[in-house]
C-alpha atoms as a PDB file:
ATOM      1  CA  UNK A   1     -23.139 -55.842  -6.253  1.00  0.00           C
ATOM      2  CA  UNK A   2     -22.276 -53.354  -3.667  1.00  0.00           C
ATOM      3  CA  UNK A   3     -19.026 -52.946  -1.697  1.00  0.00           C
ATOM      4  CA  UNK A   4     -18.627 -55.208   1.433  1.00  0.00           C
ATOM      5  CA  UNK A   5     -18.256 -53.455   4.796  1.00  0.00           C
ATOM      6  CA  UNK A   6     -15.164 -54.343   6.539  1.00  0.00           C
ATOM      7  CA  UNK A   7     -15.113 -56.952   9.317  1.00  0.00           C
ATOM      8  CA  UNK A   8     -12.538 -58.438  11.422  1.00  0.00           C
ATOM      9  CA  UNK A   9     -11.637 -62.191  11.748  1.00  0.00           C
ATOM     10  CA  UNK A  10     -12.770 -63.748  14.993  1.00  0.00           C
ATOM     11  CA  UNK A  11     -15.518 -61.038  15.509  1.00  0.00           C
ATOM     12  CA  UNK A  12     -19.064 -61.811  16.215  1.00  0.00           C
ATOM     13  CA  UNK A  13     -21.355 -59.871  13.705  1.00  0.00           C
ATOM     14  CA  UNK A  14     -25.013 -58.835  14.257  1.00  0.00           C
ATOM     15  CA  UNK A  15     -26.499 -59.925  11.103  1.00  0.00           C
ATOM     16  CA  UNK A  16     -29.772 -59.945   9.171  1.00  0.00           C
ATOM     17  CA  UNK A  17     -30.753 -60.539   5.498  1.00  0.00           C
ATOM     18  CA  UNK A  18     -33.225 -58.289   3.808  1.00  0.00           C
ATOM     19  CA  UNK A  19     -34.870 -56.871   0.480  1.00  0.00           C
ATOM     20  CA  UNK A  20     -33.453 -53.545  -0.449  1.00  0.00           C
ATOM     21  CA  UNK A  21     -36.092 -50.956  -1.479  1.00  0.00           C
ATOM     22  CA  UNK A  22     -36.038 -48.960  -4.671  1.00  0.00           C
ATOM     23  CA  UNK A  23     -35.057 -45.191  -4.357  1.00  0.00           C
ATOM     24  CA  UNK A  24     -38.696 -43.965  -5.305  1.00  0.00           C
ATOM     25  CA  UNK A  25     -40.245 -46.262  -2.634  1.00  0.00           C
ATOM     26  CA  UNK A  26     -37.784 -44.597  -0.025  1.00  0.00           C
ATOM     27  CA  UNK A  27     -38.603 -41.125  -1.267  1.00  0.00           C
ATOM     28  CA  UNK A  28     -42.239 -41.759  -0.691  1.00  0.00           C
ATOM     29  CA  UNK A  29     -41.935 -43.415   2.721  1.00  0.00           C
ATOM     30  CA  UNK A  30     -39.385 -40.714   4.057  1.00  0.00           C
ATOM     31  CA  UNK A  31     -41.814 -37.935   2.867  1.00  0.00           C
ATOM     32  CA  UNK A  32     -44.820 -39.761   4.498  1.00  0.00           C
ATOM     33  CA  UNK A  33     -43.285 -40.357   7.865  1.00  0.00           C
ATOM     34  CA  UNK A  34     -43.038 -37.050   9.442  1.00  0.00           C
ATOM     35  CA  UNK A  35     -46.587 -36.355   8.620  1.00  0.00           C
ATOM     36  CA  UNK A  36     -48.012 -39.744   9.704  1.00  0.00           C
ATOM     37  CA  UNK A  37     -45.725 -40.518  12.495  1.00  0.00           C
ATOM     38  CA  UNK A  38     -45.372 -37.392  14.648  1.00  0.00           C
ATOM     39  CA  UNK A  39     -45.567 -37.325  18.285  1.00  0.00           C
ATOM     40  CA  UNK A  40     -43.567 -37.341  21.510  1.00  0.00           C
ATOM     41  CA  UNK A  41     -41.056 -40.269  21.960  1.00  0.00           C
ATOM     42  CA  UNK A  42     -41.317 -41.612  18.406  1.00  0.00           C
ATOM     43  CA  UNK A  43     -38.222 -42.300  16.281  1.00  0.00           C
ATOM     44  CA  UNK A  44     -38.867 -42.568  12.811  1.00  0.00           C
ATOM     45  CA  UNK A  45     -36.503 -44.942  11.057  1.00  0.00           C
ATOM     46  CA  UNK A  46     -33.955 -43.237   8.641  1.00  0.00           C
ATOM     47  CA  UNK A  47     -33.971 -43.875   4.990  1.00  0.00           C
ATOM     48  CA  UNK A  48     -30.873 -46.108   5.323  1.00  0.00           C
ATOM     49  CA  UNK A  49     -32.475 -48.274   7.697  1.00  0.00           C
ATOM     50  CA  UNK A  50     -35.560 -48.953   5.671  1.00  0.00           C
ATOM     51  CA  UNK A  51     -35.880 -52.548   4.258  1.00  0.00           C
ATOM     52  CA  UNK A  52     -37.906 -55.752   4.518  1.00  0.00           C
ATOM     53  CA  UNK A  53     -36.177 -58.076   6.694  1.00  0.00           C
ATOM     54  CA  UNK A  54     -36.039 -61.733   5.465  1.00  0.00           C
ATOM     55  CA  UNK A  55     -34.107 -63.208   8.354  1.00  0.00           C
ATOM     56  CA  UNK A  56     -32.654 -61.782  11.537  1.00  0.00           C
ATOM     57  CA  UNK A  57     -29.507 -64.000  12.537  1.00  0.00           C
ATOM     58  CA  UNK A  58     -28.354 -62.227  15.463  1.00  0.00           C
ATOM     59  CA  UNK A  59     -24.723 -62.439  16.568  1.00  0.00           C
ATOM     60  CA  UNK A  60     -22.908 -64.827  14.349  1.00  0.00           C
ATOM     61  CA  UNK A  61     -19.106 -65.810  14.350  1.00  0.00           C
ATOM     62  CA  UNK A  62     -17.529 -63.920  11.420  1.00  0.00           C
ATOM     63  CA  UNK A  63     -16.023 -67.083   9.901  1.00  0.00           C
ATOM     64  CA  UNK A  64     -19.797 -68.077   9.226  1.00  0.00           C
ATOM     65  CA  UNK A  65     -20.197 -65.003   6.869  1.00  0.00           C
ATOM     66  CA  UNK A  66     -18.968 -66.700   3.573  1.00  0.00           C
ATOM     67  CA  UNK A  67     -21.375 -69.598   3.893  1.00  0.00           C
ATOM     68  CA  UNK A  68     -24.322 -67.194   4.863  1.00  0.00           C
ATOM     69  CA  UNK A  69     -23.547 -64.982   1.847  1.00  0.00           C
ATOM     70  CA  UNK A  70     -23.482 -67.982  -0.383  1.00  0.00           C
ATOM     71  CA  UNK A  71     -26.881 -69.130   0.696  1.00  0.00           C
ATOM     72  CA  UNK A  72     -27.982 -65.645   0.265  1.00  0.00           C
ATOM     73  CA  UNK A  73     -26.677 -65.503  -3.425  1.00  0.00           C
ATOM     74  CA  UNK A  74     -28.084 -69.007  -4.280  1.00  0.00           C
ATOM     75  CA  UNK A  75     -31.564 -68.129  -2.687  1.00  0.00           C
ATOM     76  CA  UNK A  76     -31.711 -64.766  -4.569  1.00  0.00           C
ATOM     77  CA  UNK A  77     -30.506 -66.313  -7.797  1.00  0.00           C
ATOM     78  CA  UNK A  78     -33.459 -68.629  -7.564  1.00  0.00           C
ATOM     79  CA  UNK A  79     -36.069 -66.091  -6.716  1.00  0.00           C
ATOM     80  CA  UNK A  80     -38.546 -64.321  -8.681  1.00  0.00           C
ATOM     81  CA  UNK A  81     -38.750 -60.343  -7.982  1.00  0.00           C
ATOM     82  CA  UNK A  82     -41.724 -59.934  -5.525  1.00  0.00           C
ATOM     83  CA  UNK A  83     -44.499 -57.429  -6.142  1.00  0.00           C
ATOM     84  CA  UNK A  84     -45.395 -55.566  -2.986  1.00  0.00           C
ATOM     85  CA  UNK A  85     -47.827 -52.923  -1.803  1.00  0.00           C
ATOM     86  CA  UNK A  86     -48.799 -51.353   1.525  1.00  0.00           C
ATOM     87  CA  UNK A  87     -52.063 -52.614   2.775  1.00  0.00           C
ATOM     88  CA  UNK A  88     -51.939 -51.684   6.459  1.00  0.00           C
ATOM     89  CA  UNK A  89     -50.086 -50.305   9.671  1.00  0.00           C
ATOM     90  CA  UNK A  90     -49.399 -52.362  12.676  1.00  0.00           C
ATOM     91  CA  UNK A  91     -47.670 -51.968  15.959  1.00  0.00           C
ATOM     92  CA  UNK A  92     -45.817 -54.206  18.136  1.00  0.00           C
ATOM     93  CA  UNK A  93     -44.679 -53.142  21.746  1.00  0.00           C
ATOM     94  CA  UNK A  94     -41.680 -51.387  20.358  1.00  0.00           C
ATOM     95  CA  UNK A  95     -42.049 -50.708  16.654  1.00  0.00           C
ATOM     96  CA  UNK A  96     -44.641 -49.592  14.159  1.00  0.00           C
ATOM     97  CA  UNK A  97     -44.663 -51.165  10.635  1.00  0.00           C
ATOM     98  CA  UNK A  98     -46.272 -51.023   7.255  1.00  0.00           C
ATOM     99  CA  UNK A  99     -47.710 -54.328   6.438  1.00  0.00           C
ATOM    100  CA  UNK A 100     -47.160 -55.505   2.926  1.00  0.00           C
ATOM    101  CA  UNK A 101     -49.124 -57.724   0.375  1.00  0.00           C
ATOM    102  CA  UNK A 102     -47.083 -60.022  -1.620  1.00  0.00           C
ATOM    103  CA  UNK A 103     -48.887 -60.616  -4.963  1.00  0.00           C
ATOM    104  CA  UNK A 104     -47.799 -63.978  -6.144  1.00  0.00           C
ATOM    105  CA  UNK A 105     -45.997 -64.738  -2.827  1.00  0.00           C
ATOM    106  CA  UNK A 106     -42.525 -64.435  -4.197  1.00  0.00           C
ATOM    107  CA  UNK A 107     -41.280 -62.618  -1.256  1.00  0.00           C
ATOM    108  CA  UNK A 108     -42.831 -65.349   0.967  1.00  0.00           C
ATOM    109  CA  UNK A 109     -41.143 -68.091  -0.978  1.00  0.00           C
ATOM    110  CA  UNK A 110     -37.862 -66.282  -0.899  1.00  0.00           C
ATOM    111  CA  UNK A 111     -37.909 -65.954   2.915  1.00  0.00           C
ATOM    112  CA  UNK A 112     -38.843 -69.434   3.210  1.00  0.00           C
ATOM    113  CA  UNK A 113     -36.129 -70.520   1.054  1.00  0.00           C
ATOM    114  CA  UNK A 114     -33.561 -68.502   2.951  1.00  0.00           C
ATOM    115  CA  UNK A 115     -34.807 -69.897   6.258  1.00  0.00           C
ATOM    116  CA  UNK A 116     -34.451 -73.410   5.069  1.00  0.00           C
ATOM    117  CA  UNK A 117     -30.894 -72.681   3.766  1.00  0.00           C
ATOM    118  CA  UNK A 118     -29.837 -70.973   7.064  1.00  0.00           C
ATOM    119  CA  UNK A 119     -31.392 -73.746   9.225  1.00  0.00           C
ATOM    120  CA  UNK A 120     -29.340 -76.424   7.142  1.00  0.00           C
ATOM    121  CA  UNK A 121     -26.176 -74.369   7.974  1.00  0.00           C
ATOM    122  CA  UNK A 122     -27.015 -74.326  11.595  1.00  0.00           C
ATOM    123  CA  UNK A 123     -27.064 -70.564  11.693  1.00  0.00           C
ATOM    124  CA  UNK A 124     -30.491 -69.721  12.018  1.00  0.00           C
ATOM    125  CA  UNK A 125     -33.950 -70.760  13.790  1.00  0.00           C
ATOM    126  CA  UNK A 126     -37.070 -69.893  12.266  1.00  0.00           C
ATOM    127  CA  UNK A 127     -39.677 -68.143  14.252  1.00  0.00           C
ATOM    128  CA  UNK A 128     -42.818 -69.961  15.172  1.00  0.00           C
ATOM    129  CA  UNK A 129     -45.119 -67.305  13.518  1.00  0.00           C
ATOM    130  CA  UNK A 130     -45.309 -67.207   9.856  1.00  0.00           C
ATOM    131  CA  UNK A 131     -43.047 -64.669   7.992  1.00  0.00           C
ATOM    132  CA  UNK A 132     -44.811 -61.368   7.563  1.00  0.00           C
ATOM    133  CA  UNK A 133     -43.609 -58.953   4.732  1.00  0.00           C
ATOM    134  CA  UNK A 134     -43.392 -55.707   6.373  1.00  0.00           C
ATOM    135  CA  UNK A 135     -41.558 -52.481   6.605  1.00  0.00           C
ATOM    136  CA  UNK A 136     -40.533 -51.011   9.980  1.00  0.00           C
ATOM    137  CA  UNK A 137     -41.001 -47.268   9.877  1.00  0.00           C
ATOM    138  CA  UNK A 138     -40.941 -46.188  13.424  1.00  0.00           C
ATOM    139  CA  UNK A 139     -39.635 -47.194  16.941  1.00  0.00           C
ATOM    140  CA  UNK A 140     -40.883 -46.321  20.426  1.00  0.00           C
ATOM    141  CA  UNK A 141     -40.582 -47.244  23.991  1.00  0.00           C
ATOM    142  CA  UNK A 142     -44.465 -46.941  24.677  1.00  0.00           C
ATOM    143  CA  UNK A 143     -47.001 -47.917  22.032  1.00  0.00           C
ATOM    144  CA  UNK A 144     -48.611 -44.892  20.656  1.00  0.00           C
ATOM    145  CA  UNK A 145     -51.741 -46.614  19.047  1.00  0.00           C
ATOM    146  CA  UNK A 146     -51.315 -44.560  15.783  1.00  0.00           C
ATOM    147  CA  UNK A 147     -53.722 -44.788  13.006  1.00  0.00           C
ATOM    148  CA  UNK A 148     -51.780 -43.086  10.241  1.00  0.00           C
ATOM    149  CA  UNK A 149     -53.314 -42.381   6.960  1.00  0.00           C
ATOM    150  CA  UNK A 150     -51.905 -44.696   4.291  1.00  0.00           C
ATOM    151  CA  UNK A 151     -52.894 -42.666   1.153  1.00  0.00           C
ATOM    152  CA  UNK A 152     -50.084 -42.247  -1.239  1.00  0.00           C
ATOM    153  CA  UNK A 153     -48.360 -45.622  -0.152  1.00  0.00           C
ATOM    154  CA  UNK A 154     -50.460 -48.206  -1.981  1.00  0.00           C
ATOM    155  CA  UNK A 155     -48.516 -48.109  -5.243  1.00  0.00           C
ATOM    156  CA  UNK A 156     -46.828 -51.426  -6.075  1.00  0.00           C
ATOM    157  CA  UNK A 157     -43.169 -51.935  -5.988  1.00  0.00           C
ATOM    158  CA  UNK A 158     -40.820 -54.539  -6.782  1.00  0.00           C
ATOM    159  CA  UNK A 159     -37.354 -54.964  -4.869  1.00  0.00           C
ATOM    160  CA  UNK A 160     -34.699 -55.961  -6.989  1.00  0.00           C
ATOM    161  CA  UNK A 161     -32.028 -56.768  -4.636  1.00  0.00           C
ATOM    162  CA  UNK A 162     -31.593 -58.938  -1.355  1.00  0.00           C
ATOM    163  CA  UNK A 163     -28.650 -57.890   0.920  1.00  0.00           C
ATOM    164  CA  UNK A 164     -26.824 -59.050   3.954  1.00  0.00           C
ATOM    165  CA  UNK A 165     -26.665 -56.342   6.656  1.00  0.00           C
ATOM    166  CA  UNK A 166     -24.285 -55.848   9.547  1.00  0.00           C
ATOM    167  CA  UNK A 167     -25.902 -54.016  12.529  1.00  0.00           C
ATOM    168  CA  UNK A 168     -23.610 -52.163  14.860  1.00  0.00           C
ATOM    169  CA  UNK A 169     -25.327 -51.041  17.953  1.00  0.00           C
ATOM    170  CA  UNK A 170     -24.441 -47.572  19.392  1.00  0.00           C
ATOM    171  CA  UNK A 171     -26.127 -45.414  22.122  1.00  0.00           C
ATOM    172  CA  UNK A 172     -27.985 -43.546  19.543  1.00  0.00           C
ATOM    173  CA  UNK A 173     -29.472 -46.666  17.933  1.00  0.00           C
ATOM    174  CA  UNK A 174     -28.245 -49.299  15.552  1.00  0.00           C
ATOM    175  CA  UNK A 175     -26.168 -48.393  12.452  1.00  0.00           C
ATOM    176  CA  UNK A 176     -26.501 -50.742   9.360  1.00  0.00           C
ATOM    177  CA  UNK A 177     -23.983 -51.569   6.785  1.00  0.00           C
ATOM    178  CA  UNK A 178     -24.583 -53.608   3.622  1.00  0.00           C
ATOM    179  CA  UNK A 179     -21.982 -56.532   3.445  1.00  0.00           C
ATOM    180  CA  UNK A 180     -23.184 -57.738   0.250  1.00  0.00           C
ATOM    181  CA  UNK A 181     -26.015 -57.281  -2.206  1.00  0.00           C
ATOM    182  CA  UNK A 182     -27.404 -59.519  -4.941  1.00  0.00           C
ATOM    183  CA  UNK A 183     -29.828 -59.187  -7.697  1.00  0.00           C
ATOM    184  CA  UNK A 184     -33.148 -61.378  -7.423  1.00  0.00           C
ATOM    185  CA  UNK A 185     -33.560 -63.787 -10.141  1.00  0.00           C
ATOM    186  CA  UNK A 186     -29.704 -63.766 -10.972  1.00  0.00           C
END
């Protein structure tokens, strides 16, 4: 477990749940970013922002946090550690991401379990499109249509923790704080 960030009662929290990445994976991705994602108006995500989002909850009342954390702990305790591997790069209108293969579909099952649990709590609505394991690595205002070389990113890795994050918006961009982190598989 990691220490919780401080939140006040009655506050609305911008929350998401995600898989935390191993340090060696963070090292590889942050070394790759400056070479593969260079260009004007591109903002590579800093190391502390790299994660695999399981569910974005948006703004939630602070009093819902204990139940959300309870469901994260339960889902993570029941989960098997996923084995992920970078298999491609994809852009939306505002972000570039590394698309991940989920060998054994353990991350997909974990995300589905979390979505079910959060929907039952009434704090989340599942997106219409299927959940896609990915790692957002760059943000932009205008799609650059990059085709970065992915060599060196293909090694399989296995996240061992899921976490609840608090996202605080600032003029310079969001800042993330881990509220709670739990081991996968108990």
